[in-house]
């Protein structure tokens, strides 16, 4: 193994490593199973002078190693858990405009790529949103018996005072009877379905039926607490094919009485990351229109759009976490003032990013900040409506 051709092919370092390993015992080889560093590119055979091949650009990484080393390499490629990542994150939170200016000016090796930074912030943000959405209840008609009992006890405790106030109003016998019926229904902790229809709701249904000329068969839904989330009326036929298709899809996705509403909302939330990713080029286009006279390349607007959205996701998550912590540690007005200050600082950071990235005066910066924000809100509203219909249409 010490001949000259072998050294030329494999390299001096590899030959010396092999010779050292052959001269040691079995126990030494067991402790040093890792292969020696690569000296030549495995793709084109060129001699390596750094971490990447100067001919083909392939990384000088030997994947024939322990699984732990491979996992660390993958994490390093995707997340860059080093000073670069944490430096980029700190700059994103404190001065997002500087991050954009340095990247556009060519100082890129010190920062994480804008697209990678956005994808990481987006994944964490929408994971938190989906996790929080699972705790929401989309069945307003379902009230626990404990809550009903609390309401009934509170009304029963104050019923005497309510009766005195009603006596001062000089109500007619019919109105007084309805008011007493409402109080009776509220003091029942668990009303039956037959008795859940309040007189006020019945009177409202009768009035609407009289106005529409269909008093013969009015439709009653009961008390507000017992009504379903969504009701599809079979008697009211849709007039156009689109309305019939929309009603059929809504029945299938949300359920006949809104029983699948929670699943539909969860599916809608899961589609929001794709919607926001599609909105970023649109936001860059809005900036291109606002600053068309500055002759800035579209890619520069796109880089700023990625950075400012990453700042938005990160800032909202940090403020929400701070809100949860402050409400537990120092609840009250002082915590509310701190939270309000955080949101004001958050909005100021976004404004200052536009001011320092595009370098215009305060008047034009304020004008374009509100104009661009309003236009982008309209874009987000239309994108959300499109996402709603797509979620409704997808089988």
Protein backbone atom coordinates (compact mmCIF):
# COMPACT_ATOMS: atom_id res chain seq x y z
CA UNK A 1 0.00 0.00 0.00
CA UNK A 2 3.01 2.31 0.10
CA UNK A 3 3.75 2.39 -3.64
CA UNK A 4 3.60 5.69 -5.52
CA UNK A 5 0.58 4.97 -7.81
CA UNK A 6 -1.60 4.05 -4.86
CA UNK A 7 -0.65 7.29 -3.11
CA UNK A 8 -1.55 9.29 -6.20
CA UNK A 9 -4.97 7.63 -6.48
CA UNK A 10 -5.99 7.56 -2.84
CA UNK A 11 -4.00 10.47 -1.41
CA UNK A 12 -1.33 10.60 1.25
CA UNK A 13 -3.72 11.09 4.13
CA UNK A 14 -5.83 8.06 3.22
CA UNK A 15 -2.74 5.84 2.81
CA UNK A 16 -1.31 6.91 6.13
CA UNK A 17 -4.64 6.33 7.85
CA UNK A 18 -4.90 2.83 6.40
CA UNK A 19 -1.35 2.00 7.41
CA UNK A 20 -1.95 3.24 10.96
CA UNK A 21 -5.09 1.20 11.29
CA UNK A 22 -3.39 -1.95 9.97
CA UNK A 23 -0.63 -1.59 12.54
CA UNK A 24 -3.03 -1.42 15.49
CA UNK A 25 -4.92 -4.18 17.20
CA UNK A 26 -8.54 -5.28 16.98
CA UNK A 27 -9.63 -3.27 20.02
CA UNK A 28 -8.25 -0.04 18.59
CA UNK A 29 -10.08 -0.60 15.32
CA UNK A 30 -13.31 -1.24 17.23
CA UNK A 31 -13.07 2.17 18.91
CA UNK A 32 -12.29 4.01 15.67
CA UNK A 33 -14.81 2.75 13.16
CA UNK A 34 -15.29 6.14 11.54
CA UNK A 35 -13.83 6.39 8.03
CA UNK A 36 -11.03 8.89 7.33
CA UNK A 37 -11.91 12.27 5.82
CA UNK A 38 -12.42 12.37 2.08
CA UNK A 39 -9.50 13.59 0.01
CA UNK A 40 -11.07 13.24 -3.44
CA UNK A 41 -14.58 13.94 -4.65
CA UNK A 42 -16.71 10.82 -4.83
CA UNK A 43 -18.59 12.21 -7.81
CA UNK A 44 -15.89 13.42 -10.24
CA UNK A 45 -12.66 12.32 -8.54
CA UNK A 46 -11.17 15.81 -8.25
CA UNK A 47 -8.92 16.57 -5.29
CA UNK A 48 -10.76 18.24 -2.43
CA UNK A 49 -9.49 21.52 -1.04
CA UNK A 50 -12.42 22.35 1.19
CA UNK A 51 -15.92 21.25 2.20
CA UNK A 52 -17.14 21.32 -1.41
CA UNK A 53 -15.67 20.06 -4.67
CA UNK A 54 -14.22 22.84 -6.81
CA UNK A 55 -15.22 21.01 -10.02
CA UNK A 56 -18.79 19.77 -9.50
CA UNK A 57 -19.79 21.44 -6.21
CA UNK A 58 -20.72 18.25 -4.35
CA UNK A 59 -20.32 18.40 -0.56
CA UNK A 60 -17.45 16.40 0.90
CA UNK A 61 -19.63 14.31 3.21
CA UNK A 62 -19.19 10.59 3.75
CA UNK A 63 -22.59 9.13 4.59
CA UNK A 64 -21.13 5.71 5.41
CA UNK A 65 -20.87 6.64 9.05
CA UNK A 66 -22.89 6.19 12.21
CA UNK A 67 -26.54 7.15 12.11
CA UNK A 68 -25.99 9.92 14.66
CA UNK A 69 -23.48 11.70 12.43
CA UNK A 70 -25.86 11.49 9.46
CA UNK A 71 -28.73 12.99 11.51
CA UNK A 72 -26.49 15.84 12.65
CA UNK A 73 -25.48 16.55 9.06
CA UNK A 74 -29.13 16.67 7.96
CA UNK A 75 -30.06 19.00 10.83
CA UNK A 76 -27.12 21.22 10.04
CA UNK A 77 -28.13 21.42 6.37
CA UNK A 78 -31.76 22.26 7.08
CA UNK A 79 -31.62 24.29 10.27
CA UNK A 80 -28.01 25.49 10.52
CA UNK A 81 -27.99 25.20 14.30
CA UNK A 82 -24.90 27.34 14.70
CA UNK A 83 -24.02 30.97 15.15
CA UNK A 84 -25.44 31.70 11.69
CA UNK A 85 -28.94 30.53 12.63
CA UNK A 86 -29.11 32.23 16.02
CA UNK A 87 -27.53 35.40 14.63
CA UNK A 88 -30.13 35.51 11.86
CA UNK A 89 -32.95 34.90 14.34
CA UNK A 90 -31.76 37.65 16.66
CA UNK A 91 -31.45 40.10 13.79
CA UNK A 92 -34.88 39.11 12.50
CA UNK A 93 -36.50 39.91 15.85
CA UNK A 94 -34.66 43.15 16.63
CA UNK A 95 -33.90 44.70 13.20
CA UNK A 96 -35.53 42.84 10.31
CA UNK A 97 -34.68 45.66 7.87
CA UNK A 98 -30.97 45.17 8.43
CA UNK A 99 -31.31 41.48 7.57
CA UNK A 100 -32.86 42.39 4.20
CA UNK A 101 -30.37 45.17 3.45
CA UNK A 102 -27.35 43.00 4.16
CA UNK A 103 -28.67 40.09 2.11
CA UNK A 104 -29.47 42.32 -0.87
CA UNK A 105 -26.07 44.05 -0.66
CA UNK A 106 -24.29 40.69 -0.91
CA UNK A 107 -23.47 39.89 2.73
CA UNK A 108 -25.19 36.50 2.64
CA UNK A 109 -22.79 33.97 4.11
CA UNK A 110 -23.56 35.15 7.66
CA UNK A 111 -27.33 34.70 7.34
CA UNK A 112 -29.77 31.88 6.72
CA UNK A 113 -31.35 31.91 3.26
CA UNK A 114 -34.66 33.86 3.28
CA UNK A 115 -36.70 30.96 1.88
CA UNK A 116 -35.29 28.51 4.41
CA UNK A 117 -35.94 30.99 7.22
CA UNK A 118 -39.52 31.53 6.08
CA UNK A 119 -40.23 27.80 5.78
CA UNK A 120 -38.94 27.16 9.29
CA UNK A 121 -40.95 30.05 10.80
CA UNK A 122 -44.04 29.03 8.83
CA UNK A 123 -43.87 25.39 9.93
CA UNK A 124 -43.56 26.32 13.61
CA UNK A 125 -46.24 29.04 13.42
CA UNK A 126 -48.92 26.99 11.67
CA UNK A 127 -48.15 23.97 13.80
CA UNK A 128 -48.96 26.13 16.81
CA UNK A 129 -52.10 27.43 15.09
CA UNK A 130 -53.33 23.92 14.27
CA UNK A 131 -52.52 22.77 17.79
CA UNK A 132 -54.52 25.66 19.23
CA UNK A 133 -57.41 25.06 16.82
CA UNK A 134 -57.84 21.52 18.14
CA UNK A 135 -58.81 22.95 21.52
CA UNK A 136 -61.58 25.12 20.05
CA UNK A 137 -65.17 23.96 20.24
CA UNK A 138 -67.32 24.65 17.20
CA UNK A 139 -70.58 23.50 18.77
CA UNK A 140 -72.15 26.58 20.37
CA UNK A 141 -75.39 24.69 20.95
CA UNK A 142 -73.70 22.35 23.43
CA UNK A 143 -73.63 23.82 26.94
CA UNK A 144 -72.48 21.69 29.84
CA UNK A 145 -74.86 20.96 32.69
CA UNK A 146 -72.46 22.68 35.12
CA UNK A 147 -72.69 25.96 33.19
CA UNK A 148 -76.47 25.67 33.00
CA UNK A 149 -76.62 25.14 36.74
CA UNK A 150 -74.42 28.19 37.38
CA UNK A 151 -76.61 30.40 35.18
CA UNK A 152 -79.80 29.08 36.77
CA UNK A 153 -78.46 29.68 40.27
CA UNK A 154 -77.39 33.24 39.41
CA UNK A 155 -80.79 34.09 37.89
CA UNK A 156 -82.66 32.51 40.82
CA UNK A 157 -80.55 34.51 43.30
CA UNK A 158 -81.37 37.80 41.58
CA UNK A 159 -84.94 36.99 40.56
CA UNK A 160 -86.49 39.13 43.26
CA UNK A 161 -84.60 42.21 42.10
CA UNK A 162 -85.52 41.46 38.48
CA UNK A 163 -89.19 41.18 39.47
CA UNK A 164 -89.07 44.58 41.17
CA UNK A 165 -87.51 46.18 38.09
CA UNK A 166 -90.19 44.62 35.89
CA UNK A 167 -92.92 46.01 38.17
CA UNK A 168 -91.54 49.53 37.66
CA UNK A 169 -91.88 49.20 33.89
CA UNK A 170 -95.69 48.93 33.93
CA UNK A 171 -95.69 46.15 31.35
CA UNK A 172 -98.86 44.83 29.78
CA UNK A 173 -100.18 41.49 31.05
CA UNK A 174 -99.00 39.76 27.87
CA UNK A 175 -95.48 41.19 28.06
CA UNK A 176 -95.26 40.42 31.77
CA UNK A 177 -96.30 36.82 31.10
CA UNK A 178 -93.54 36.48 28.49
CA UNK A 179 -90.96 37.96 30.86
CA UNK A 180 -91.96 35.53 33.62
CA UNK A 181 -91.73 32.66 31.16
CA UNK A 182 -88.22 33.73 30.20
CA UNK A 183 -87.19 33.81 33.86
CA UNK A 184 -88.72 30.38 34.42
CA UNK A 185 -86.77 28.95 31.48
CA UNK A 186 -83.52 30.47 32.72
CA UNK A 187 -83.88 29.12 36.24
CA UNK A 188 -84.22 25.55 34.95
CA UNK A 189 -80.72 24.03 35.01
CA UNK A 190 -81.34 21.45 32.29
CA UNK A 191 -84.42 22.22 30.20
CA UNK A 192 -85.90 19.52 28.05
CA UNK A 193 -85.85 19.87 24.27
CA UNK A 194 -89.58 20.42 24.21
CA UNK A 195 -89.35 23.26 26.70
CA UNK A 196 -86.17 24.80 25.36
CA UNK A 197 -88.01 27.11 23.03
CA UNK A 198 -88.09 30.48 24.76
CA UNK A 199 -91.09 32.78 24.38
CA UNK A 200 -88.85 35.47 22.94
CA UNK A 201 -87.57 33.12 20.27
CA UNK A 202 -91.13 31.96 19.52
CA UNK A 203 -92.34 35.53 19.24
CA UNK A 204 -89.47 36.40 16.91
CA UNK A 205 -90.21 33.38 14.73
CA UNK A 206 -93.90 34.26 14.58
CA UNK A 207 -93.12 37.87 13.62
CA UNK A 208 -90.80 36.82 10.82
CA UNK A 209 -93.30 34.27 9.56
CA UNK A 210 -96.06 36.88 9.52
CA UNK A 211 -93.88 39.30 7.58
CA UNK A 212 -93.08 36.69 4.94
CA UNK A 213 -96.64 35.54 4.55
CA UNK A 214 -95.96 32.01 5.81
CA UNK A 215 -97.49 32.17 9.30
CA UNK A 216 -99.27 28.85 8.80
CA UNK A 217 -96.09 26.81 9.32
CA UNK A 218 -93.41 28.87 11.12
CA UNK A 219 -89.98 27.36 11.70
CA UNK A 220 -88.72 27.41 15.27
CA UNK A 221 -85.16 26.55 16.33
CA UNK A 222 -85.48 26.84 20.09
CA UNK A 223 -83.32 28.74 22.49
CA UNK A 224 -80.00 30.14 21.34
CA UNK A 225 -78.07 27.68 23.46
CA UNK A 226 -79.83 24.70 21.90
CA UNK A 227 -79.66 25.69 18.25
CA UNK A 228 -77.44 23.77 15.81
CA UNK A 229 -74.41 25.47 14.30
CA UNK A 230 -75.61 25.15 10.70
CA UNK A 231 -79.12 24.34 9.43
CA UNK A 232 -79.99 23.50 5.82
CA UNK A 233 -83.62 24.11 4.96
CA UNK A 234 -84.95 21.54 2.50
CA UNK A 235 -88.04 23.68 1.88
CA UNK A 236 -85.93 26.54 0.52
CA UNK A 237 -84.65 25.21 -2.79
CA UNK A 238 -81.62 26.80 -4.39
CA UNK A 239 -82.33 28.68 -7.60
CA UNK A 240 -79.06 28.27 -9.51
CA UNK A 241 -76.84 25.20 -10.17
CA UNK A 242 -73.97 26.87 -8.32
CA UNK A 243 -76.09 27.36 -5.21
CA UNK A 244 -77.27 23.76 -5.34
CA UNK A 245 -73.67 22.54 -5.72
CA UNK A 246 -72.53 24.80 -2.88
CA UNK A 247 -75.27 23.57 -0.57
CA UNK A 248 -74.51 19.93 -1.39
CA UNK A 249 -70.79 20.39 -0.73
CA UNK A 250 -71.53 22.26 2.52
CA UNK A 251 -73.78 19.42 3.71
CA UNK A 252 -71.09 16.88 2.94
CA UNK A 253 -68.22 18.85 4.49
CA UNK A 254 -69.97 20.44 7.51
CA UNK A 255 -72.70 17.91 8.20
CA UNK A 256 -76.46 18.28 8.07
CA UNK A 257 -76.54 20.29 11.29
CA UNK A 258 -72.91 21.36 11.48
CA UNK A 259 -71.77 18.12 13.12
CA UNK A 260 -68.56 18.10 11.03
CA UNK A 261 -67.77 21.78 11.47
CA UNK A 262 -64.75 21.12 13.68
CA UNK A 263 -63.20 18.81 11.08
CA UNK A 264 -63.87 21.34 8.32
CA UNK A 265 -62.23 24.18 10.27
CA UNK A 266 -59.21 21.98 11.01
CA UNK A 267 -58.86 21.15 7.31
CA UNK A 268 -59.16 24.84 6.46
CA UNK A 269 -56.39 25.70 8.93
CA UNK A 270 -54.16 23.00 7.45
CA UNK A 271 -54.48 24.69 4.04
CA UNK A 272 -53.50 28.14 5.33
CA UNK A 273 -49.71 27.58 4.99
CA UNK A 274 -50.09 26.92 1.26
CA UNK A 275 -52.30 30.01 0.95
CA UNK A 276 -49.71 32.21 2.67
CA UNK A 277 -46.89 30.80 0.56
CA UNK A 278 -48.85 31.78 -2.56
CA UNK A 279 -49.56 35.24 -1.13
CA UNK A 280 -45.88 36.14 -0.68
CA UNK A 281 -45.25 36.69 -4.43
CA UNK A 282 -48.45 38.77 -4.50
CA UNK A 283 -47.18 40.88 -1.60
CA UNK A 284 -43.89 41.38 -3.47
CA UNK A 285 -45.92 42.47 -6.51
CA UNK A 286 -47.80 45.03 -4.39
CA UNK A 287 -44.44 46.41 -3.25
CA UNK A 288 -43.25 46.48 -6.85
CA UNK A 289 -46.25 48.62 -7.81
CA UNK A 290 -45.85 50.94 -4.83
CA UNK A 291 -42.15 51.52 -5.54
CA UNK A 292 -42.25 51.27 -9.32
CA UNK A 293 -40.36 54.55 -9.72
CA UNK A 294 -37.48 53.31 -7.59
CA UNK A 295 -36.51 50.74 -10.26
CA UNK A 296 -35.95 47.97 -7.72
CA UNK A 297 -35.73 44.40 -8.95
CA UNK A 298 -38.67 42.14 -8.15
CA UNK A 299 -36.37 39.63 -6.44
CA UNK A 300 -35.41 42.32 -3.89
CA UNK A 301 -39.09 42.81 -3.05
CA UNK A 302 -39.47 39.05 -2.76
CA UNK A 303 -36.56 38.79 -0.31
CA UNK A 304 -38.09 41.52 1.84
CA UNK A 305 -41.48 39.78 1.67
CA UNK A 306 -39.95 36.53 2.94
CA UNK A 307 -38.16 38.33 5.76
CA UNK A 308 -41.14 40.39 6.90
CA UNK A 309 -43.45 37.36 6.91
CA UNK A 310 -40.88 35.42 8.92
CA UNK A 311 -40.75 38.36 11.34
CA UNK A 312 -44.57 38.36 11.53
CA UNK A 313 -44.77 34.67 12.40
CA UNK A 314 -41.95 34.86 14.94
CA UNK A 315 -43.23 38.06 16.54
CA UNK A 316 -46.79 36.78 16.93
CA UNK A 317 -45.58 33.55 18.53
CA UNK A 318 -43.34 35.43 20.97
CA UNK A 319 -46.10 37.89 21.92
CA UNK A 320 -48.60 35.07 22.48
CA UNK A 321 -46.12 33.23 24.69
CA UNK A 322 -45.40 36.45 26.59
CA UNK A 323 -49.14 37.02 27.03
CA UNK A 324 -49.64 33.54 28.49
CA UNK A 325 -46.70 34.01 30.85
CA UNK A 326 -47.71 37.50 32.00
CA UNK A 327 -51.31 36.49 32.66
CA UNK A 328 -50.06 33.72 34.91
CA UNK A 329 -47.39 35.70 36.73
CA UNK A 330 -48.80 39.24 37.03
CA UNK A 331 -52.46 39.21 35.99
CA UNK A 332 -54.24 42.51 35.89
CA UNK A 333 -53.96 45.91 34.26
CA UNK A 334 -50.15 45.98 34.41
CA UNK A 335 -49.90 42.84 32.28
CA UNK A 336 -52.41 44.32 29.84
CA UNK A 337 -50.27 47.44 29.41
CA UNK A 338 -47.16 45.36 28.76
CA UNK A 339 -48.97 43.23 26.18
CA UNK A 340 -50.34 46.35 24.46
CA UNK A 341 -46.80 47.79 24.38
CA UNK A 342 -45.52 44.61 22.77
CA UNK A 343 -48.11 44.81 19.99
CA UNK A 344 -47.35 48.49 19.40
CA UNK A 345 -43.63 47.68 19.18
CA UNK A 346 -44.46 44.87 16.77
CA UNK A 347 -46.33 47.26 14.44
CA UNK A 348 -43.56 49.87 14.70
CA UNK A 349 -40.98 47.25 13.71
CA UNK A 350 -42.91 46.50 10.52
CA UNK A 351 -43.17 50.19 9.70
CA UNK A 352 -39.47 50.81 10.35
CA UNK A 353 -38.57 47.88 8.11
CA UNK A 354 -40.34 49.59 5.18
CA UNK A 355 -38.76 52.92 6.10
CA UNK A 356 -35.17 51.62 6.21
CA UNK A 357 -35.36 49.06 3.40
CA UNK A 358 -36.82 51.42 0.79
CA UNK A 359 -35.20 54.58 2.21
CA UNK A 360 -37.95 57.11 1.62
CA UNK A 361 -39.10 60.02 3.75
CA UNK A 362 -41.39 59.64 6.71
CA UNK A 363 -44.46 60.97 4.88
CA UNK A 364 -44.19 58.61 1.90
CA UNK A 365 -43.24 55.73 4.18
CA UNK A 366 -46.37 56.23 6.29
CA UNK A 367 -48.53 56.65 3.21
CA UNK A 368 -47.23 53.50 1.53
CA UNK A 369 -47.31 51.58 4.79
CA UNK A 370 -51.06 52.07 5.17
CA UNK A 371 -51.80 51.86 1.43
CA UNK A 372 -49.82 48.67 0.97
CA UNK A 373 -51.25 47.22 4.17
CA UNK A 374 -54.81 47.86 3.03
CA UNK A 375 -54.19 46.36 -0.41
CA UNK A 376 -52.52 43.31 1.08
CA UNK A 377 -55.42 42.82 3.50
CA UNK A 378 -57.73 42.72 0.49
CA UNK A 379 -55.43 40.19 -1.15
CA UNK A 380 -55.46 38.05 2.00
CA UNK A 381 -59.25 38.27 2.20
CA UNK A 382 -59.63 37.10 -1.40
CA UNK A 383 -57.04 34.37 -0.83
CA UNK A 384 -58.88 33.21 2.28
CA UNK A 385 -62.18 33.10 0.37
CA UNK A 386 -60.50 31.10 -2.40
CA UNK A 387 -59.00 28.72 0.18
CA UNK A 388 -62.45 28.29 1.75
CA UNK A 389 -64.04 27.34 -1.57
CA UNK A 390 -61.14 25.06 -2.50
CA UNK A 391 -61.41 23.30 0.87
CA UNK A 392 -65.14 22.98 0.26
CA UNK A 393 -64.66 21.63 -3.26
CA UNK A 394 -61.87 19.11 -2.62
CA UNK A 395 -63.36 15.64 -1.98
